C-alpha atoms as a PDB file:
ATOM      1  CA  MET A   1     166.818  63.950 124.555  1.00  0.00           C
ATOM      2  CA  LEU A   2     169.435  61.716 127.141  1.00  0.00           C
ATOM      3  CA  ASP A   3     171.738  63.829 128.082  1.00  0.00           C
ATOM      4  CA  VAL A   4     175.313  62.265 127.422  1.00  0.00           C
ATOM      5  CA  THR A   5     177.435  62.097 130.389  1.00  0.00           C
ATOM      6  CA  ARG A   6     174.710  59.638 131.885  1.00  0.00           C
ATOM      7  CA  LEU A   7     175.061  58.123 129.023  1.00  0.00           C
ATOM      8  CA  ARG A   8     178.915  58.291 128.779  1.00  0.00           C
ATOM      9  CA  VAL A   9     177.682  56.458 132.781  1.00  0.00           C
ATOM     10  CA  ILE A  10     176.557  53.746 130.908  1.00  0.00           C
ATOM     11  CA  ASP A  11     179.601  52.830 128.334  1.00  0.00           C
ATOM     12  CA  ALA A  12     181.753  52.563 131.338  1.00  0.00           C
ATOM     13  CA  LEU A  13     179.309  50.717 133.311  1.00  0.00           C
ATOM     14  CA  ALA A  14     179.488  48.661 130.347  1.00  0.00           C
ATOM     15  CA  ARG A  15     183.283  48.500 129.484  1.00  0.00           C
ATOM     16  CA  LEU A  16     183.787  47.847 133.370  1.00  0.00           C
ATOM     17  CA  GLY A  17     181.427  46.228 135.023  1.00  0.00           C
ATOM     18  CA  SER A  18     181.131  48.007 138.536  1.00  0.00           C
ATOM     19  CA  VAL A  19     179.980  51.214 139.695  1.00  0.00           C
ATOM     20  CA  THR A  20     183.701  51.724 141.390  1.00  0.00           C
ATOM     21  CA  ALA A  21     185.433  51.477 138.440  1.00  0.00           C
ATOM     22  CA  ALA A  22     182.684  53.727 136.445  1.00  0.00           C
ATOM     23  CA  ALA A  23     183.273  56.080 138.515  1.00  0.00           C
ATOM     24  CA  LYS A  24     186.944  55.920 139.010  1.00  0.00           C
ATOM     25  CA  GLU A  25     186.979  56.635 135.509  1.00  0.00           C
ATOM     26  CA  LEU A  26     184.763  58.987 134.861  1.00  0.00           C
ATOM     27  CA  HIS A  27     186.103  60.526 138.554  1.00  0.00           C
ATOM     28  CA  TYR A  28     182.732  60.137 139.695  1.00  0.00           C
ATOM     29  CA  THR A  29     181.547  59.448 143.518  1.00  0.00           C
ATOM     30  CA  GLN A  30     179.650  55.502 143.480  1.00  0.00           C
ATOM     31  CA  PRO A  31     176.802  57.204 144.385  1.00  0.00           C
ATOM     32  CA  THR A  32     176.698  59.520 141.554  1.00  0.00           C
ATOM     33  CA  VAL A  33     177.008  57.482 138.805  1.00  0.00           C
ATOM     34  CA  SER A  34     174.285  55.340 140.628  1.00  0.00           C
ATOM     35  CA  HIS A  35     171.875  58.457 140.077  1.00  0.00           C
ATOM     36  CA  HIS A  36     172.481  58.567 136.944  1.00  0.00           C
ATOM     37  CA  LEU A  37     172.248  55.468 136.003  1.00  0.00           C
ATOM     38  CA  ALA A  38     168.812  55.736 138.157  1.00  0.00           C
ATOM     39  CA  ARG A  39     167.925  59.341 135.893  1.00  0.00           C
ATOM     40  CA  LEU A  40     168.672  57.363 132.186  1.00  0.00           C
ATOM     41  CA  GLU A  41     166.453  54.375 134.002  1.00  0.00           C
ATOM     42  CA  ALA A  42     163.524  57.437 134.294  1.00  0.00           C
ATOM     43  CA  GLU A  43     164.136  58.765 130.822  1.00  0.00           C
ATOM     44  CA  THR A  44     164.083  55.056 129.013  1.00  0.00           C
ATOM     45  CA  GLY A  45     161.257  53.949 130.925  1.00  0.00           C
ATOM     46  CA  ALA A  46     163.006  50.380 130.961  1.00  0.00           C
ATOM     47  CA  GLN A  47     165.183  48.806 133.673  1.00  0.00           C
ATOM     48  CA  LEU A  48     168.914  49.226 132.227  1.00  0.00           C
ATOM     49  CA  LEU A  49     171.221  46.542 134.696  1.00  0.00           C
ATOM     50  CA  GLN A  50     171.026  43.638 136.550  1.00  0.00           C
ATOM     51  CA  ARG A  51     173.696  43.156 140.018  1.00  0.00           C
ATOM     52  CA  ALA A  52     175.320  40.262 140.135  1.00  0.00           C
ATOM     53  CA  GLY A  53     176.744  39.357 142.693  1.00  0.00           C
ATOM     54  CA  ARG A  54     179.844  42.369 143.592  1.00  0.00           C
ATOM     55  CA  GLY A  55     179.712  43.292 139.628  1.00  0.00           C
ATOM     56  CA  ILE A  56     176.735  44.532 137.055  1.00  0.00           C
ATOM     57  CA  ARG A  57     175.523  43.281 134.247  1.00  0.00           C
ATOM     58  CA  LEU A  58     173.744  44.562 131.052  1.00  0.00           C
ATOM     59  CA  THR A  59     169.878  44.093 130.274  1.00  0.00           C
ATOM     60  CA  PRO A  60     169.278  43.958 126.141  1.00  0.00           C
ATOM     61  CA  ALA A  61     167.201  46.921 128.021  1.00  0.00           C
ATOM     62  CA  GLY A  62     171.595  48.318 129.251  1.00  0.00           C
ATOM     63  CA  GLN A  63     173.721  46.876 125.828  1.00  0.00           C
ATOM     64  CA  LEU A  64     171.091  48.722 123.237  1.00  0.00           C
ATOM     65  CA  LEU A  65     171.900  51.867 124.658  1.00  0.00           C
ATOM     66  CA  ALA A  66     175.450  51.881 125.702  1.00  0.00           C
ATOM     67  CA  SER A  67     176.631  50.052 122.611  1.00  0.00           C
ATOM     68  CA  ARG A  68     174.953  53.910 120.899  1.00  0.00           C
ATOM     69  CA  ALA A  69     176.899  55.528 123.456  1.00  0.00           C
ATOM     70  CA  PRO A  70     179.494  57.597 123.249  1.00  0.00           C
ATOM     71  CA  ARG A  71     182.914  57.158 123.847  1.00  0.00           C
ATOM     72  CA  SER A  72     184.407  59.091 126.901  1.00  0.00           C
ATOM     73  CA  SER A  73     187.247  60.375 124.921  1.00  0.00           C
ATOM     74  CA  GLY A  74     183.917  62.037 123.416  1.00  0.00           C
ATOM     75  CA  GLY A  75     181.975  62.472 120.209  1.00  0.00           C
ATOM     76  CA  SER A  76     177.639  61.273 118.956  1.00  0.00           C
ATOM     77  CA  THR A  77     175.878  58.685 118.318  1.00  0.00           C
ATOM     78  CA  PRO A  78     172.502  59.158 117.268  1.00  0.00           C
ATOM     79  CA  PRO A  79     169.830  56.594 118.766  1.00  0.00           C
ATOM     80  CA  PRO A  80     169.334  53.355 116.330  1.00  0.00           C
ATOM     81  CA  PRO A  81     166.453  53.237 114.022  1.00  0.00           C
ATOM     82  CA  ASN A  82     164.610  50.020 115.470  1.00  0.00           C
ATOM     83  CA  CYS A  83     165.276  52.123 119.656  1.00  0.00           C
ATOM     84  CA  PRO A  84     161.304  52.276 120.889  1.00  0.00           C
ATOM     85  CA  HIS A  85     161.773  54.606 123.218  1.00  0.00           C
ATOM     86  CA  THR A  86     161.958  58.796 122.535  1.00  0.00           C
ATOM     87  CA  TRP A  87     165.185  60.376 122.436  1.00  0.00           C
ATOM     88  CA  GLY A  88     164.937  62.916 121.445  1.00  0.00           C
END
């Protein structure tokens, strides 16, 4: 099962477009956000983002995961039925 904290990180990265902004919103350091992202990529077996200048851009796999991630306000969303990776 994917960790909800890591899913909130991918959600923040998708919405804010940078590691710095995501770290600030989540009250984490930049290395912590990068660590959560690396673990999430290892767990899913997919590259979730690409560096784009000073920001980031989610890959299609990252966009799918972010669209299903719980928002920072809480809640839980089940994985989509067509998700190619095992989530739980």
